[in-house]
């Protein structure tokens, strides 16, 4: 579990589309909104870590064979989020798009995370780096995956807390720019996914 925690802390740094989602949602919905968003991605990471740790080669093989289709699906999801933020309340005078609430926060970030099969390769590399064999017994694999979940969860909690602190200081000055900026970021990330998929 300790090694899993370290792997989660070292390799679970919130970057990319889910990191942007967590920042944008924390700004509008507070700490819990960002944390729930991040935990959706952590759950996806946990499934990939579980496949790698327990040696589910049939799962990993299938996902890697279909990674182009999965990445394209993820790109479409990210693009739709960007367009929603840019166009969702256009002309209404509101500062933000209609909020995403409850379980949708969790499952939308899970969907983005699970459509990135490259995450499994990252965990396989991490396991190798920490000297963890490619196939563990259930009693060994589950604590490892639990540690990964805890490590990534700490990252999301730290990010959400930092955004909340920044919101208290600069919130009124940047509120009107949050959704347009992050909408543009999502669109650029989606284009990068599309370009990488077909490269």
N, C-alpha and C. Protein backbone atom coordinates (compact mmCIF):
# COMPACT_ATOMS: atom_id res chain seq x y z
N UNK A 1 0.83 -1.20 0.00
CA UNK A 1 0.00 0.00 0.00
C UNK A 1 0.87 1.26 0.00
N UNK A 2 1.99 1.24 0.74
CA UNK A 2 2.87 2.40 0.78
C UNK A 2 3.45 2.68 -0.60
N UNK A 3 3.87 1.63 -1.30
CA UNK A 3 4.39 1.83 -2.65
C UNK A 3 3.29 2.33 -3.59
N UNK A 4 2.08 1.84 -3.41
CA UNK A 4 0.96 2.34 -4.20
C UNK A 4 0.71 3.81 -3.94
N UNK A 5 0.81 4.22 -2.66
CA UNK A 5 0.64 5.62 -2.31
C UNK A 5 1.69 6.49 -2.99
N UNK A 6 2.94 6.02 -2.97
CA UNK A 6 4.02 6.77 -3.62
C UNK A 6 3.80 6.86 -5.12
N UNK A 7 3.36 5.76 -5.72
CA UNK A 7 3.08 5.77 -7.16
C UNK A 7 1.97 6.77 -7.48
N UNK A 8 0.92 6.77 -6.66
CA UNK A 8 -0.17 7.72 -6.87
C UNK A 8 0.29 9.16 -6.74
N UNK A 9 1.21 9.42 -5.80
CA UNK A 9 1.71 10.78 -5.61
C UNK A 9 2.66 11.20 -6.72
N UNK A 10 3.49 10.26 -7.18
CA UNK A 10 4.50 10.59 -8.19
C UNK A 10 3.92 10.63 -9.60
N UNK A 11 2.99 9.73 -9.90
CA UNK A 11 2.49 9.60 -11.26
C UNK A 11 1.05 10.08 -11.42
N UNK A 12 0.42 10.52 -10.34
CA UNK A 12 -0.97 10.95 -10.42
C UNK A 12 -1.15 12.45 -10.45
N UNK A 13 -0.10 13.19 -10.79
CA UNK A 13 -0.18 14.64 -10.82
C UNK A 13 -1.33 15.11 -11.71
N UNK A 14 -2.24 15.93 -11.19
CA UNK A 14 -3.41 16.35 -11.98
C UNK A 14 -3.03 17.26 -13.14
N UNK A 15 -2.94 16.70 -14.33
CA UNK A 15 -2.64 17.48 -15.52
C UNK A 15 -3.67 17.12 -16.60
N UNK A 16 -3.65 17.85 -17.68
CA UNK A 16 -4.51 17.53 -18.79
C UNK A 16 -5.96 17.95 -18.58
N UNK A 17 -6.83 17.27 -19.31
CA UNK A 17 -8.24 17.68 -19.34
C UNK A 17 -8.91 17.57 -17.98
N UNK A 18 -8.66 16.49 -17.25
CA UNK A 18 -9.35 16.33 -15.96
C UNK A 18 -8.84 17.37 -14.96
N UNK A 19 -7.56 17.69 -15.02
CA UNK A 19 -7.04 18.75 -14.16
C UNK A 19 -7.73 20.07 -14.43
N UNK A 20 -7.91 20.39 -15.72
CA UNK A 20 -8.62 21.63 -16.08
C UNK A 20 -10.07 21.57 -15.63
N UNK A 21 -10.72 20.41 -15.78
CA UNK A 21 -12.10 20.25 -15.32
C UNK A 21 -12.19 20.52 -13.82
N UNK A 22 -11.25 19.95 -13.06
CA UNK A 22 -11.29 20.10 -11.61
C UNK A 22 -11.12 21.56 -11.20
N UNK A 23 -10.20 22.27 -11.86
CA UNK A 23 -9.98 23.69 -11.54
C UNK A 23 -11.23 24.51 -11.84
N UNK A 24 -11.80 24.32 -13.04
CA UNK A 24 -12.98 25.08 -13.43
C UNK A 24 -14.16 24.81 -12.51
N UNK A 25 -14.36 23.55 -12.16
CA UNK A 25 -15.51 23.20 -11.31
C UNK A 25 -15.29 23.62 -9.87
N UNK A 26 -14.05 23.58 -9.40
CA UNK A 26 -13.77 24.06 -8.05
C UNK A 26 -14.06 25.54 -7.95
N UNK A 27 -13.69 26.28 -8.99
CA UNK A 27 -13.92 27.73 -8.97
C UNK A 27 -15.40 28.05 -8.82
N UNK A 28 -16.25 27.28 -9.50
CA UNK A 28 -17.68 27.57 -9.46
C UNK A 28 -18.39 26.85 -8.31
N UNK A 29 -17.96 25.63 -7.99
CA UNK A 29 -18.71 24.82 -7.04
C UNK A 29 -18.04 24.56 -5.71
N UNK A 30 -16.80 25.03 -5.55
CA UNK A 30 -16.12 24.84 -4.28
C UNK A 30 -15.28 23.57 -4.22
N UNK A 31 -14.71 23.34 -3.04
CA UNK A 31 -13.77 22.24 -2.84
C UNK A 31 -14.36 20.88 -3.22
N UNK A 32 -15.59 20.61 -2.79
CA UNK A 32 -16.18 19.30 -3.03
C UNK A 32 -16.36 19.04 -4.52
N UNK A 33 -16.69 20.08 -5.29
CA UNK A 33 -16.88 19.90 -6.74
C UNK A 33 -15.57 19.47 -7.40
N UNK A 34 -14.48 20.11 -7.02
CA UNK A 34 -13.19 19.72 -7.59
C UNK A 34 -12.75 18.34 -7.16
N UNK A 35 -12.98 18.03 -5.89
CA UNK A 35 -12.56 16.73 -5.38
C UNK A 35 -13.36 15.60 -6.04
N UNK A 36 -14.67 15.78 -6.16
CA UNK A 36 -15.49 14.75 -6.80
C UNK A 36 -15.06 14.54 -8.25
N UNK A 37 -14.78 15.64 -8.95
CA UNK A 37 -14.30 15.54 -10.32
C UNK A 37 -13.00 14.74 -10.38
N UNK A 38 -12.06 15.08 -9.50
CA UNK A 38 -10.78 14.37 -9.49
C UNK A 38 -10.92 12.90 -9.14
N UNK A 39 -11.81 12.59 -8.22
CA UNK A 39 -11.97 11.20 -7.81
C UNK A 39 -12.53 10.33 -8.94
N UNK A 40 -13.31 10.93 -9.84
CA UNK A 40 -13.76 10.18 -11.00
C UNK A 40 -12.58 9.70 -11.84
N UNK A 41 -11.62 10.60 -12.04
CA UNK A 41 -10.41 10.22 -12.78
C UNK A 41 -9.59 9.21 -11.98
N UNK A 42 -9.53 9.38 -10.66
CA UNK A 42 -8.79 8.44 -9.81
C UNK A 42 -9.38 7.03 -9.92
N UNK A 43 -10.69 6.93 -10.00
CA UNK A 43 -11.35 5.63 -10.14
C UNK A 43 -10.94 4.98 -11.45
N UNK A 44 -10.88 5.76 -12.53
CA UNK A 44 -10.42 5.23 -13.81
C UNK A 44 -8.96 4.77 -13.70
N UNK A 45 -8.13 5.59 -13.05
CA UNK A 45 -6.73 5.20 -12.85
C UNK A 45 -6.64 3.91 -12.04
N UNK A 46 -7.51 3.79 -11.02
CA UNK A 46 -7.50 2.59 -10.19
C UNK A 46 -7.82 1.34 -10.98
N UNK A 47 -8.75 1.45 -11.92
CA UNK A 47 -9.08 0.29 -12.76
C UNK A 47 -7.90 -0.09 -13.65
N UNK A 48 -7.23 0.90 -14.20
CA UNK A 48 -6.05 0.61 -15.02
C UNK A 48 -4.92 0.02 -14.18
N UNK A 49 -4.73 0.58 -12.98
CA UNK A 49 -3.71 0.05 -12.08
C UNK A 49 -4.04 -1.38 -11.67
N UNK A 50 -5.33 -1.66 -11.45
CA UNK A 50 -5.76 -3.01 -11.08
C UNK A 50 -5.47 -4.00 -12.21
N UNK A 51 -5.75 -3.61 -13.45
CA UNK A 51 -5.47 -4.48 -14.60
C UNK A 51 -3.98 -4.77 -14.71
N UNK A 52 -3.15 -3.76 -14.45
CA UNK A 52 -1.72 -3.96 -14.53
C UNK A 52 -1.17 -4.78 -13.38
N UNK A 53 -1.65 -4.49 -12.17
CA UNK A 53 -1.10 -5.15 -10.98
C UNK A 53 -1.50 -6.61 -10.91
N UNK A 54 -2.73 -6.91 -11.32
CA UNK A 54 -3.23 -8.28 -11.20
C UNK A 54 -2.99 -9.11 -12.47
N UNK A 55 -2.37 -8.48 -13.46
CA UNK A 55 -2.00 -9.23 -14.66
C UNK A 55 -3.17 -9.62 -15.53
N UNK A 56 -4.18 -8.75 -15.62
CA UNK A 56 -5.32 -9.04 -16.49
C UNK A 56 -4.93 -8.72 -17.93
N UNK A 57 -4.13 -9.61 -18.52
CA UNK A 57 -3.59 -9.34 -19.85
C UNK A 57 -4.68 -9.23 -20.91
N UNK A 58 -5.77 -9.98 -20.72
CA UNK A 58 -6.85 -9.91 -21.71
C UNK A 58 -7.51 -8.54 -21.70
N UNK A 59 -7.58 -7.91 -20.50
CA UNK A 59 -8.15 -6.57 -20.40
C UNK A 59 -7.19 -5.55 -21.00
N UNK A 60 -5.92 -5.61 -20.56
CA UNK A 60 -4.95 -4.64 -21.06
C UNK A 60 -4.76 -4.78 -22.56
N UNK A 61 -4.73 -6.02 -23.05
CA UNK A 61 -4.57 -6.24 -24.48
C UNK A 61 -5.72 -5.64 -25.27
N UNK A 62 -6.94 -5.86 -24.80
CA UNK A 62 -8.12 -5.32 -25.49
C UNK A 62 -8.08 -3.80 -25.52
N UNK A 63 -7.77 -3.19 -24.36
CA UNK A 63 -7.78 -1.74 -24.28
C UNK A 63 -6.70 -1.12 -25.16
N UNK A 64 -5.52 -1.73 -25.16
CA UNK A 64 -4.44 -1.20 -25.98
C UNK A 64 -4.71 -1.39 -27.47
N UNK A 65 -5.37 -2.48 -27.82
CA UNK A 65 -5.75 -2.68 -29.22
C UNK A 65 -6.77 -1.66 -29.67
N UNK A 66 -7.60 -1.21 -28.75
CA UNK A 66 -8.67 -0.27 -29.08
C UNK A 66 -8.33 1.16 -28.64
N UNK A 67 -7.06 1.43 -28.38
CA UNK A 67 -6.74 2.73 -27.81
C UNK A 67 -7.01 3.88 -28.77
N UNK A 68 -6.91 3.65 -30.08
CA UNK A 68 -7.22 4.74 -31.01
C UNK A 68 -8.68 5.14 -30.89
N UNK A 69 -9.57 4.14 -30.89
CA UNK A 69 -11.00 4.44 -30.77
C UNK A 69 -11.33 5.10 -29.44
N UNK A 70 -10.69 4.60 -28.37
CA UNK A 70 -10.93 5.17 -27.04
C UNK A 70 -10.44 6.61 -26.96
N UNK A 71 -9.26 6.87 -27.52
CA UNK A 71 -8.73 8.24 -27.49
C UNK A 71 -9.62 9.18 -28.29
N UNK A 72 -10.12 8.71 -29.43
CA UNK A 72 -11.02 9.56 -30.21
C UNK A 72 -12.29 9.87 -29.43
N UNK A 73 -12.82 8.87 -28.73
CA UNK A 73 -14.00 9.09 -27.91
C UNK A 73 -13.70 10.11 -26.81
N UNK A 74 -12.55 9.96 -26.18
CA UNK A 74 -12.15 10.93 -25.16
C UNK A 74 -12.02 12.33 -25.72
N UNK A 75 -11.45 12.43 -26.93
CA UNK A 75 -11.33 13.73 -27.57
C UNK A 75 -12.68 14.37 -27.84
N UNK A 76 -13.64 13.57 -28.26
CA UNK A 76 -14.99 14.08 -28.51
C UNK A 76 -15.61 14.59 -27.20
N UNK A 77 -15.42 13.84 -26.11
CA UNK A 77 -15.96 14.27 -24.82
C UNK A 77 -15.35 15.60 -24.38
N UNK A 78 -14.03 15.71 -24.53
CA UNK A 78 -13.36 16.95 -24.12
C UNK A 78 -13.80 18.11 -25.00
N UNK A 79 -13.93 17.86 -26.31
CA UNK A 79 -14.38 18.91 -27.22
C UNK A 79 -15.79 19.39 -26.86
N UNK A 80 -16.67 18.44 -26.52
CA UNK A 80 -18.04 18.83 -26.16
C UNK A 80 -18.06 19.68 -24.90
N UNK A 81 -17.18 19.37 -23.94
CA UNK A 81 -17.11 20.18 -22.73
C UNK A 81 -16.64 21.60 -23.05
N UNK A 82 -15.64 21.69 -23.93
CA UNK A 82 -15.15 23.01 -24.31
C UNK A 82 -16.21 23.84 -25.00
N UNK A 83 -16.93 23.24 -25.93
CA UNK A 83 -17.99 23.96 -26.64
C UNK A 83 -19.10 24.36 -25.69
N UNK A 84 -19.39 23.49 -24.73
CA UNK A 84 -20.45 23.80 -23.75
C UNK A 84 -20.08 25.04 -22.95
N UNK A 85 -18.81 25.12 -22.52
CA UNK A 85 -18.39 26.27 -21.74
C UNK A 85 -18.37 27.55 -22.57
N UNK A 86 -18.00 27.44 -23.84
CA UNK A 86 -17.93 28.63 -24.67
C UNK A 86 -19.30 29.10 -25.15
N UNK A 87 -20.19 28.17 -25.41
CA UNK A 87 -21.45 28.52 -26.06
C UNK A 87 -22.68 28.30 -25.21
N UNK A 88 -22.52 27.63 -24.06
CA UNK A 88 -23.69 27.22 -23.28
C UNK A 88 -24.57 28.36 -22.82
N UNK A 89 -23.98 29.49 -22.46
CA UNK A 89 -24.79 30.61 -21.96
C UNK A 89 -24.54 31.87 -22.78
N UNK A 90 -24.18 31.69 -24.04
CA UNK A 90 -23.84 32.83 -24.88
C UNK A 90 -25.02 33.80 -24.98
N UNK A 91 -24.71 35.03 -24.75
CA UNK A 91 -25.74 36.06 -24.88
C UNK A 91 -26.65 36.19 -23.68
N UNK A 92 -26.44 35.36 -22.66
CA UNK A 92 -27.33 35.44 -21.49
C UNK A 92 -26.84 36.43 -20.46
N UNK A 93 -25.55 36.83 -20.62
CA UNK A 93 -24.96 37.73 -19.64
C UNK A 93 -24.48 37.04 -18.40
N UNK A 94 -24.61 35.72 -18.31
CA UNK A 94 -24.15 34.98 -17.13
C UNK A 94 -22.67 34.78 -17.20
N UNK A 95 -22.04 34.56 -16.07
CA UNK A 95 -20.59 34.40 -16.02
C UNK A 95 -20.16 32.99 -16.27
N UNK A 96 -21.08 32.05 -16.23
CA UNK A 96 -20.66 30.66 -16.37
C UNK A 96 -21.72 29.85 -17.09
N UNK A 97 -21.27 28.68 -17.59
CA UNK A 97 -22.20 27.76 -18.22
C UNK A 97 -23.02 27.07 -17.13
N UNK A 98 -24.15 26.44 -17.51
CA UNK A 98 -24.95 25.72 -16.51
C UNK A 98 -24.08 24.72 -15.76
N UNK A 99 -24.15 24.70 -14.45
CA UNK A 99 -23.23 23.87 -13.67
C UNK A 99 -23.49 22.38 -13.84
N UNK A 100 -22.42 21.62 -13.75
CA UNK A 100 -22.51 20.16 -13.71
C UNK A 100 -22.57 19.75 -12.25
N UNK A 101 -23.52 18.92 -11.87
CA UNK A 101 -23.72 18.64 -10.46
C UNK A 101 -23.67 17.14 -10.15
N UNK A 102 -23.46 16.86 -8.87
CA UNK A 102 -23.59 15.52 -8.35
C UNK A 102 -22.78 14.47 -9.07
N UNK A 103 -23.45 13.34 -9.35
CA UNK A 103 -22.79 12.20 -9.95
C UNK A 103 -22.21 12.51 -11.32
N UNK A 104 -22.80 13.49 -12.03
CA UNK A 104 -22.28 13.83 -13.35
C UNK A 104 -20.85 14.33 -13.27
N UNK A 105 -20.47 15.01 -12.19
CA UNK A 105 -19.09 15.46 -12.02
C UNK A 105 -18.15 14.26 -11.99
N UNK A 106 -18.54 13.26 -11.21
CA UNK A 106 -17.71 12.06 -11.07
C UNK A 106 -17.62 11.30 -12.39
N UNK A 107 -18.77 11.02 -13.00
CA UNK A 107 -18.77 10.13 -14.16
C UNK A 107 -18.24 10.81 -15.42
N UNK A 108 -18.36 12.11 -15.52
CA UNK A 108 -17.79 12.78 -16.69
C UNK A 108 -16.27 12.73 -16.66
N UNK A 109 -15.68 12.93 -15.48
CA UNK A 109 -14.22 12.84 -15.39
C UNK A 109 -13.75 11.39 -15.50
N UNK A 110 -14.56 10.46 -14.98
CA UNK A 110 -14.24 9.04 -15.16
C UNK A 110 -14.21 8.69 -16.64
N UNK A 111 -15.18 9.20 -17.40
CA UNK A 111 -15.24 8.90 -18.84
C UNK A 111 -14.01 9.42 -19.56
N UNK A 112 -13.56 10.62 -19.19
CA UNK A 112 -12.36 11.17 -19.81
C UNK A 112 -11.13 10.34 -19.41
N UNK A 113 -11.06 9.94 -18.14
CA UNK A 113 -9.92 9.16 -17.69
C UNK A 113 -9.86 7.76 -18.29
N UNK A 114 -11.00 7.10 -18.41
CA UNK A 114 -11.01 5.72 -18.88
C UNK A 114 -10.77 5.64 -20.38
N UNK A 115 -10.95 6.74 -21.10
CA UNK A 115 -10.68 6.75 -22.54
C UNK A 115 -9.24 7.12 -22.85
N UNK A 116 -8.37 6.99 -21.86
CA UNK A 116 -6.94 7.23 -22.05
C UNK A 116 -6.16 5.97 -21.66
N UNK A 117 -6.12 4.96 -22.56
CA UNK A 117 -5.44 3.70 -22.22
C UNK A 117 -3.95 3.87 -21.95
N UNK A 118 -3.36 4.98 -22.40
CA UNK A 118 -1.94 5.22 -22.13
C UNK A 118 -1.67 5.28 -20.64
N UNK A 119 -2.70 5.57 -19.84
CA UNK A 119 -2.52 5.60 -18.38
C UNK A 119 -2.08 4.25 -17.86
N UNK A 120 -2.56 3.18 -18.48
CA UNK A 120 -2.16 1.85 -18.02
C UNK A 120 -0.68 1.62 -18.26
N UNK A 121 -0.16 2.10 -19.39
CA UNK A 121 1.28 1.98 -19.65
C UNK A 121 2.08 2.76 -18.61
N UNK A 122 1.54 3.90 -18.18
CA UNK A 122 2.21 4.68 -17.15
C UNK A 122 2.31 3.88 -15.86
N UNK A 123 1.23 3.21 -15.49
CA UNK A 123 1.25 2.42 -14.26
C UNK A 123 2.15 1.20 -14.39
N UNK A 124 2.17 0.57 -15.54
CA UNK A 124 3.06 -0.56 -15.75
C UNK A 124 4.52 -0.12 -15.61
N UNK A 125 4.84 1.05 -16.16
CA UNK A 125 6.19 1.60 -15.99
C UNK A 125 6.48 1.88 -14.52
N UNK A 126 5.49 2.48 -13.82
CA UNK A 126 5.67 2.81 -12.40
C UNK A 126 5.89 1.54 -11.58
N UNK A 127 5.11 0.51 -11.86
CA UNK A 127 5.27 -0.74 -11.12
C UNK A 127 6.66 -1.32 -11.34
N UNK A 128 7.12 -1.28 -12.59
CA UNK A 128 8.46 -1.79 -12.90
C UNK A 128 9.53 -0.98 -12.18
N UNK A 129 9.34 0.34 -12.16
CA UNK A 129 10.31 1.22 -11.53
C UNK A 129 10.42 0.96 -10.04
N UNK A 130 9.30 0.60 -9.41
CA UNK A 130 9.28 0.31 -7.98
C UNK A 130 9.56 -1.18 -7.69
N UNK A 131 9.89 -1.94 -8.73
CA UNK A 131 10.22 -3.35 -8.53
C UNK A 131 9.04 -4.23 -8.22
N UNK A 132 7.86 -3.84 -8.69
CA UNK A 132 6.65 -4.62 -8.45
C UNK A 132 6.42 -5.54 -9.64
N UNK A 133 6.29 -6.85 -9.43
CA UNK A 133 6.08 -7.78 -10.54
C UNK A 133 4.78 -7.51 -11.27
N UNK A 134 4.69 -7.97 -12.51
CA UNK A 134 3.55 -7.68 -13.36
C UNK A 134 2.28 -8.40 -12.98
N UNK A 135 2.37 -9.41 -12.13
CA UNK A 135 1.16 -10.13 -11.73
C UNK A 135 1.23 -10.45 -10.25
N UNK A 136 0.37 -9.82 -9.48
CA UNK A 136 0.34 -10.01 -8.03
C UNK A 136 -0.85 -10.85 -7.63
N UNK A 137 -0.75 -11.44 -6.43
CA UNK A 137 -1.91 -12.09 -5.85
C UNK A 137 -2.92 -11.02 -5.42
N UNK A 138 -4.16 -11.44 -5.28
CA UNK A 138 -5.22 -10.51 -4.94
C UNK A 138 -4.93 -9.79 -3.63
N UNK A 139 -4.39 -10.50 -2.65
CA UNK A 139 -4.12 -9.91 -1.35
C UNK A 139 -2.99 -8.88 -1.41
N UNK A 140 -2.17 -8.94 -2.48
CA UNK A 140 -1.11 -7.95 -2.66
C UNK A 140 -1.56 -6.84 -3.60
N UNK A 141 -2.30 -7.20 -4.63
CA UNK A 141 -2.69 -6.22 -5.63
C UNK A 141 -3.69 -5.19 -5.14
N UNK A 142 -4.65 -5.64 -4.32
CA UNK A 142 -5.68 -4.70 -3.87
C UNK A 142 -5.11 -3.60 -2.96
N UNK A 143 -4.22 -3.91 -1.99
CA UNK A 143 -3.62 -2.81 -1.22
C UNK A 143 -2.80 -1.86 -2.10
N UNK A 144 -2.13 -2.41 -3.11
CA UNK A 144 -1.37 -1.57 -4.02
C UNK A 144 -2.29 -0.59 -4.75
N UNK A 145 -3.39 -1.11 -5.28
CA UNK A 145 -4.34 -0.24 -5.98
C UNK A 145 -4.98 0.75 -5.02
N UNK A 146 -5.27 0.31 -3.79
CA UNK A 146 -5.80 1.22 -2.79
C UNK A 146 -4.84 2.36 -2.50
N UNK A 147 -3.55 2.05 -2.45
CA UNK A 147 -2.55 3.10 -2.25
C UNK A 147 -2.51 4.07 -3.41
N UNK A 148 -2.63 3.55 -4.64
CA UNK A 148 -2.66 4.43 -5.82
C UNK A 148 -3.85 5.38 -5.74
N UNK A 149 -5.01 4.84 -5.38
CA UNK A 149 -6.20 5.67 -5.24
C UNK A 149 -6.01 6.75 -4.18
N UNK A 150 -5.40 6.36 -3.06
CA UNK A 150 -5.17 7.34 -1.99
C UNK A 150 -4.20 8.43 -2.43
N UNK A 151 -3.14 8.03 -3.14
CA UNK A 151 -2.16 9.00 -3.61
C UNK A 151 -2.75 10.00 -4.59
N UNK A 152 -3.49 9.49 -5.57
CA UNK A 152 -4.11 10.42 -6.54
C UNK A 152 -5.17 11.27 -5.86
N UNK A 153 -5.89 10.68 -4.89
CA UNK A 153 -6.89 11.46 -4.16
C UNK A 153 -6.27 12.63 -3.40
N UNK A 154 -5.08 12.42 -2.84
CA UNK A 154 -4.39 13.51 -2.15
C UNK A 154 -4.05 14.64 -3.11
N UNK A 155 -3.62 14.29 -4.34
CA UNK A 155 -3.34 15.32 -5.34
C UNK A 155 -4.59 16.14 -5.64
N UNK A 156 -5.73 15.47 -5.83
CA UNK A 156 -6.94 16.21 -6.17
C UNK A 156 -7.39 17.08 -5.00
N UNK A 157 -7.22 16.59 -3.79
CA UNK A 157 -7.58 17.40 -2.62
C UNK A 157 -6.69 18.64 -2.53
N UNK A 158 -5.40 18.46 -2.81
CA UNK A 158 -4.47 19.60 -2.76
C UNK A 158 -4.80 20.62 -3.85
N UNK A 159 -5.09 20.13 -5.06
CA UNK A 159 -5.43 21.05 -6.16
C UNK A 159 -6.71 21.82 -5.85
N UNK A 160 -7.74 21.11 -5.38
CA UNK A 160 -9.00 21.77 -5.07
C UNK A 160 -8.83 22.79 -3.96
N UNK A 161 -8.04 22.45 -2.95
CA UNK A 161 -7.79 23.39 -1.87
C UNK A 161 -7.06 24.63 -2.35
N UNK A 162 -6.07 24.44 -3.25
CA UNK A 162 -5.32 25.59 -3.77
C UNK A 162 -6.21 26.50 -4.60
N UNK A 163 -7.09 25.91 -5.41
CA UNK A 163 -8.00 26.73 -6.22
C UNK A 163 -8.97 27.50 -5.33
N UNK A 164 -9.47 26.86 -4.28
CA UNK A 164 -10.37 27.55 -3.35
C UNK A 164 -9.68 28.75 -2.71
N UNK A 165 -8.41 28.57 -2.35
CA UNK A 165 -7.67 29.69 -1.76
C UNK A 165 -7.50 30.82 -2.76
N UNK A 166 -7.19 30.46 -4.01
CA UNK A 166 -7.05 31.48 -5.04
C UNK A 166 -8.36 32.17 -5.36
N UNK A 167 -9.46 31.42 -5.29
CA UNK A 167 -10.77 32.01 -5.58
C UNK A 167 -11.12 33.08 -4.55
N UNK A 168 -10.78 32.84 -3.29
CA UNK A 168 -11.08 33.82 -2.25
C UNK A 168 -10.32 35.13 -2.48
N UNK A 169 -9.14 35.01 -3.09
CA UNK A 169 -8.30 36.20 -3.27
C UNK A 169 -8.59 36.93 -4.58
N UNK A 170 -8.76 36.15 -5.67
CA UNK A 170 -8.89 36.77 -6.99
C UNK A 170 -10.21 36.47 -7.68
N UNK A 171 -11.14 35.82 -6.99
CA UNK A 171 -12.36 35.33 -7.62
C UNK A 171 -13.12 36.37 -8.42
N UNK A 172 -13.37 37.55 -7.83
CA UNK A 172 -14.19 38.55 -8.51
C UNK A 172 -13.50 39.10 -9.75
N UNK A 173 -12.18 39.14 -9.74
CA UNK A 173 -11.44 39.72 -10.86
C UNK A 173 -11.42 38.80 -12.08
N UNK A 174 -11.45 37.49 -11.85
CA UNK A 174 -11.28 36.57 -12.97
C UNK A 174 -12.52 35.75 -13.28
N UNK A 175 -13.61 35.96 -12.52
CA UNK A 175 -14.80 35.11 -12.67
C UNK A 175 -15.32 35.09 -14.10
N UNK A 176 -15.39 36.23 -14.74
CA UNK A 176 -15.98 36.30 -16.08
C UNK A 176 -15.12 35.61 -17.14
N UNK A 177 -13.83 35.37 -16.80
CA UNK A 177 -12.92 34.78 -17.79
C UNK A 177 -12.75 33.28 -17.61
N UNK A 178 -13.21 32.73 -16.51
CA UNK A 178 -12.95 31.32 -16.21
C UNK A 178 -13.49 30.39 -17.29
N UNK A 179 -14.78 30.50 -17.60
CA UNK A 179 -15.37 29.57 -18.56
C UNK A 179 -14.84 29.75 -19.97
N UNK A 180 -14.71 30.99 -20.49
CA UNK A 180 -14.13 31.13 -21.83
C UNK A 180 -12.71 30.59 -21.92
N UNK A 181 -11.90 30.85 -20.89
CA UNK A 181 -10.51 30.38 -20.92
C UNK A 181 -10.46 28.86 -20.89
N UNK A 182 -11.21 28.24 -19.98
CA UNK A 182 -11.16 26.78 -19.88
C UNK A 182 -11.87 26.12 -21.05
N UNK A 183 -12.90 26.77 -21.58
CA UNK A 183 -13.50 26.24 -22.80
C UNK A 183 -12.50 26.17 -23.93
N UNK A 184 -11.70 27.22 -24.07
CA UNK A 184 -10.65 27.23 -25.10
C UNK A 184 -9.59 26.18 -24.82
N UNK A 185 -9.25 26.02 -23.55
CA UNK A 185 -8.25 25.00 -23.18
C UNK A 185 -8.75 23.61 -23.55
N UNK A 186 -10.01 23.31 -23.24
CA UNK A 186 -10.57 22.00 -23.58
C UNK A 186 -10.54 21.75 -25.09
N UNK A 187 -10.89 22.76 -25.85
CA UNK A 187 -10.89 22.60 -27.31
C UNK A 187 -9.47 22.33 -27.81
N UNK A 188 -8.49 23.05 -27.29
CA UNK A 188 -7.10 22.82 -27.69
C UNK A 188 -6.63 21.42 -27.29
N UNK A 189 -7.02 20.98 -26.10
CA UNK A 189 -6.65 19.64 -25.66
C UNK A 189 -7.29 18.58 -26.55
N UNK A 190 -8.55 18.80 -26.93
CA UNK A 190 -9.22 17.85 -27.81
C UNK A 190 -8.52 17.78 -29.17
N UNK A 191 -8.13 18.93 -29.70
CA UNK A 191 -7.42 18.95 -30.98
C UNK A 191 -6.08 18.22 -30.86
N UNK A 192 -5.42 18.38 -29.70
CA UNK A 192 -4.16 17.67 -29.48
C UNK A 192 -4.37 16.16 -29.43
N UNK A 193 -5.48 15.74 -28.82
CA UNK A 193 -5.81 14.30 -28.78
C UNK A 193 -6.04 13.78 -30.19
N UNK A 194 -6.82 14.51 -30.98
CA UNK A 194 -7.10 14.09 -32.35
C UNK A 194 -5.81 14.00 -33.17
N UNK A 195 -4.96 15.02 -33.01
CA UNK A 195 -3.71 15.04 -33.77
C UNK A 195 -2.81 13.87 -33.35
N UNK A 196 -2.72 13.61 -32.04
CA UNK A 196 -1.90 12.52 -31.56
C UNK A 196 -2.41 11.16 -31.97
N UNK A 197 -3.73 11.04 -32.06
CA UNK A 197 -4.34 9.76 -32.44
C UNK A 197 -4.03 9.40 -33.88
N UNK A 198 -4.02 10.38 -34.73
CA UNK A 198 -3.81 10.13 -36.15
C UNK A 198 -2.39 10.37 -36.62
N UNK A 199 -1.50 10.72 -35.68
CA UNK A 199 -0.11 10.97 -36.06
C UNK A 199 0.59 9.70 -36.51
